[in-house]
């Protein structure tokens, strides 16, 4: 697929940020070229959106979420770095890393942006009347190349930090939209009751 699908309700401001990439689409977030690192084989600032025929990205809520992501890309990037920085002291515990493990090097706060390589965005439309669509962002990261790092957003608010796979999953997004999913790393670690609880 070489072109953006002809979906009548995609505003021009979003359409110009989309491009075909094989059977998938990609969305360009130009400021992310300088704010984040780049995954091997990926073009800086471009994230895979997935195949257009799934339709989720092009519902009214999905389009609004993507337009908002593009319009607020620098604010979203700052929120992501801040959330990961707040969660970073606990990442080792969660991943089972042990003190003195030389094979894993967690970045310092100033290095977090460069250490994250955005690779995919997934729109989760909760359905009519259920509020704004959520956006799952998958990043490659050096400290966990197998699972990567995932961020789930509601507009510019980071709901939590998880694995890349988790934030791309519809079931996780649906639970998070209703406040039922406890991310393994809350973006608000001061809220001690949230981690590991289902309620």
Protein backbone atom coordinates (compact mmCIF):
# COMPACT_ATOMS: atom_id res chain seq x y z
CA UNK A 1 0.00 0.00 0.00
CA UNK A 2 1.52 3.28 -1.08
CA UNK A 3 -1.16 5.81 -0.29
CA UNK A 4 -3.26 6.95 2.63
CA UNK A 5 -6.74 5.39 2.53
CA UNK A 6 -9.53 7.60 1.27
CA UNK A 7 -11.40 8.10 4.49
CA UNK A 8 -13.62 11.15 4.08
CA UNK A 9 -13.42 12.34 7.67
CA UNK A 10 -9.61 12.43 7.99
CA UNK A 11 -8.76 16.14 8.29
CA UNK A 12 -6.01 17.41 6.01
CA UNK A 13 -3.82 18.27 9.01
CA UNK A 14 -3.74 14.55 9.89
CA UNK A 15 -3.72 13.21 6.32
CA UNK A 16 -0.47 15.06 5.61
CA UNK A 17 1.14 13.24 8.56
CA UNK A 18 0.19 9.78 7.27
CA UNK A 19 2.03 7.70 4.71
CA UNK A 20 1.83 4.19 3.41
CA UNK A 21 4.43 1.68 4.54
CA UNK A 22 3.90 -1.70 2.92
CA UNK A 23 0.57 -2.97 4.20
CA UNK A 24 0.60 -0.53 7.10
CA UNK A 25 0.33 3.18 7.65
CA UNK A 26 2.81 5.35 9.51
CA UNK A 27 2.24 8.63 11.29
CA UNK A 28 4.95 11.27 11.36
CA UNK A 29 5.68 13.21 14.55
CA UNK A 30 8.47 15.47 13.35
CA UNK A 31 9.54 16.82 16.74
CA UNK A 32 10.10 13.25 17.98
CA UNK A 33 13.08 12.98 15.64
CA UNK A 34 15.06 15.12 18.11
CA UNK A 35 13.25 14.17 21.33
CA UNK A 36 13.62 10.37 21.14
CA UNK A 37 16.03 7.79 19.81
CA UNK A 38 15.54 5.70 16.68
CA UNK A 39 14.92 1.99 16.38
CA UNK A 40 17.03 -0.03 13.98
CA UNK A 41 15.48 0.02 10.52
CA UNK A 42 12.95 2.73 11.44
CA UNK A 43 12.74 6.23 10.04
CA UNK A 44 13.20 8.89 12.75
CA UNK A 45 9.91 10.45 13.79
CA UNK A 46 7.70 7.85 12.06
CA UNK A 47 5.59 5.33 14.00
CA UNK A 48 3.73 2.37 12.54
CA UNK A 49 -0.02 2.85 12.86
CA UNK A 50 -1.02 -0.57 11.62
CA UNK A 51 -3.17 -1.63 8.70
CA UNK A 52 -5.89 0.87 7.76
CA UNK A 53 -8.57 -1.77 7.28
CA UNK A 54 -8.90 -2.29 11.04
CA UNK A 55 -10.72 1.04 11.01
CA UNK A 56 -10.17 1.85 14.68
CA UNK A 57 -7.81 4.73 14.01
CA UNK A 58 -10.37 6.34 11.73
CA UNK A 59 -13.41 6.44 13.97
CA UNK A 60 -14.30 9.95 15.14
CA UNK A 61 -12.66 9.32 18.52
CA UNK A 62 -9.63 7.69 16.90
CA UNK A 63 -9.09 10.59 14.53
CA UNK A 64 -9.45 13.07 17.39
CA UNK A 65 -6.83 11.13 19.37
CA UNK A 66 -4.36 11.12 16.47
CA UNK A 67 -4.96 14.79 15.69
CA UNK A 68 -4.38 15.59 19.37
CA UNK A 69 -1.22 13.47 19.47
CA UNK A 70 0.18 15.30 16.44
CA UNK A 71 -0.83 18.74 17.72
CA UNK A 72 0.53 18.12 21.23
CA UNK A 73 3.50 15.94 20.30
CA UNK A 74 6.06 17.95 22.27
CA UNK A 75 3.87 18.07 25.40
CA UNK A 76 3.21 14.33 25.05
CA UNK A 77 6.93 13.64 24.68
CA UNK A 78 7.68 15.64 27.83
CA UNK A 79 4.94 13.79 29.74
CA UNK A 80 6.34 10.44 28.59
CA UNK A 81 9.89 11.27 29.67
CA UNK A 82 8.63 12.55 33.03
CA UNK A 83 6.51 9.43 33.63
CA UNK A 84 9.38 7.09 32.74
CA UNK A 85 11.78 9.09 34.92
CA UNK A 86 9.39 8.76 37.87
CA UNK A 87 9.01 5.05 37.25
CA UNK A 88 12.69 4.37 36.52
CA UNK A 89 13.77 3.70 40.12
CA UNK A 90 11.28 0.81 40.19
CA UNK A 91 11.90 -0.64 36.73
CA UNK A 92 14.72 -2.85 37.99
CA UNK A 93 12.50 -4.38 40.69
CA UNK A 94 9.68 -4.99 38.27
CA UNK A 95 11.84 -6.58 35.60
CA UNK A 96 13.69 -8.69 38.12
CA UNK A 97 16.97 -6.97 37.50
CA UNK A 98 19.47 -7.40 40.26
CA UNK A 99 21.90 -4.88 41.64
CA UNK A 100 25.26 -5.25 39.97
CA UNK A 101 23.90 -6.84 36.78
CA UNK A 102 26.34 -5.41 34.25
CA UNK A 103 24.22 -6.50 31.27
CA UNK A 104 21.53 -3.92 32.01
CA UNK A 105 22.14 -0.22 32.16
CA UNK A 106 19.17 1.97 33.05
CA UNK A 107 19.44 5.52 31.70
CA UNK A 108 19.83 8.57 33.87
CA UNK A 109 16.86 10.99 33.76
CA UNK A 110 18.54 13.27 31.21
CA UNK A 111 19.18 10.25 28.93
CA UNK A 112 15.65 8.81 28.91
CA UNK A 113 14.40 10.48 25.72
CA UNK A 114 17.38 9.30 23.69
CA UNK A 115 17.08 5.80 25.17
CA UNK A 116 13.48 5.38 23.95
CA UNK A 117 12.84 4.57 20.29
CA UNK A 118 9.18 5.02 19.29
CA UNK A 119 8.04 2.28 16.93
CA UNK A 120 4.27 1.89 17.01
CA UNK A 121 1.04 3.66 17.92
CA UNK A 122 -2.26 1.88 18.56
CA UNK A 123 -5.57 3.71 18.89
CA UNK A 124 -8.12 2.21 21.30
CA UNK A 125 -11.61 3.64 20.74
CA UNK A 126 -13.71 2.87 23.84
CA UNK A 127 -16.95 3.30 21.88
CA UNK A 128 -19.77 5.80 21.75
CA UNK A 129 -20.21 7.86 24.91
CA UNK A 130 -17.24 6.24 26.67
CA UNK A 131 -14.88 9.20 26.47
CA UNK A 132 -11.81 9.92 24.37
CA UNK A 133 -9.87 7.20 22.62
CA UNK A 134 -6.73 6.00 24.35
CA UNK A 135 -3.40 5.80 22.54
CA UNK A 136 -0.87 3.06 23.17
CA UNK A 137 2.72 3.92 22.24
CA UNK A 138 5.32 1.18 21.92
CA UNK A 139 9.00 2.02 22.34
CA UNK A 140 12.13 -0.01 21.90
CA UNK A 141 14.54 0.39 24.81
CA UNK A 142 18.02 -0.88 25.50
CA UNK A 143 17.32 -2.22 28.97
CA UNK A 144 14.55 -4.58 27.82
CA UNK A 145 14.84 -5.32 24.09
CA UNK A 146 12.47 -8.28 24.42
CA UNK A 147 9.47 -6.46 25.92
CA UNK A 148 10.21 -2.83 25.13
CA UNK A 149 8.41 -0.09 26.98
CA UNK A 150 4.80 0.97 26.53
CA UNK A 151 2.94 4.15 27.38
CA UNK A 152 -0.84 4.47 27.47
CA UNK A 153 -2.20 7.98 26.96
CA UNK A 154 -5.49 9.74 27.37
CA UNK A 155 -4.98 12.97 25.42
CA UNK A 156 -1.70 14.27 26.91
CA UNK A 157 -2.05 12.39 30.22
CA UNK A 158 0.15 9.34 30.72
CA UNK A 159 -2.04 6.72 32.37
CA UNK A 160 0.80 4.34 33.01
CA UNK A 161 3.96 2.62 31.89
CA UNK A 162 3.94 -1.04 30.93
CA UNK A 163 5.44 -3.34 28.32
CA UNK A 164 4.98 -2.45 24.67
CA UNK A 165 2.74 -5.49 24.18
CA UNK A 166 0.45 -4.52 27.05
CA UNK A 167 -0.33 -1.00 25.83
CA UNK A 168 -1.11 -2.30 22.34
CA UNK A 169 -3.65 -4.79 23.70
CA UNK A 170 -7.33 -3.89 23.45
CA UNK A 171 -8.25 -5.64 26.72
CA UNK A 172 -5.68 -3.64 28.67
CA UNK A 173 -6.89 -0.37 27.15
CA UNK A 174 -10.54 -1.17 27.89
CA UNK A 175 -9.73 -1.94 31.52
CA UNK A 176 -7.63 1.22 31.82
CA UNK A 177 -10.41 3.33 30.31
CA UNK A 178 -12.61 2.18 33.19
CA UNK A 179 -9.88 2.59 35.82
CA UNK A 180 -9.57 -1.15 36.45
CA UNK A 181 -6.07 -1.93 35.21
CA UNK A 182 -3.13 -1.42 37.56
CA UNK A 183 -0.11 -0.81 35.40
CA UNK A 184 3.03 -2.44 36.65
CA UNK A 185 4.59 1.02 36.81
CA UNK A 186 2.23 3.82 37.61
CA UNK A 187 3.03 7.21 36.16
CA UNK A 188 2.16 8.47 39.64
CA UNK A 189 4.33 6.28 41.93
CA UNK A 190 3.37 8.39 44.93
CA UNK A 191 -0.04 6.70 44.75
CA UNK A 192 1.17 3.59 46.53
CA UNK A 193 -2.20 1.83 46.48
CA UNK A 194 -2.33 1.55 42.68
CA UNK A 195 0.46 -0.85 41.88
CA UNK A 196 -0.53 -4.48 41.66
CA UNK A 197 -4.14 -3.86 42.70
CA UNK A 198 -7.04 -4.62 40.44
CA UNK A 199 -9.54 -2.32 42.09
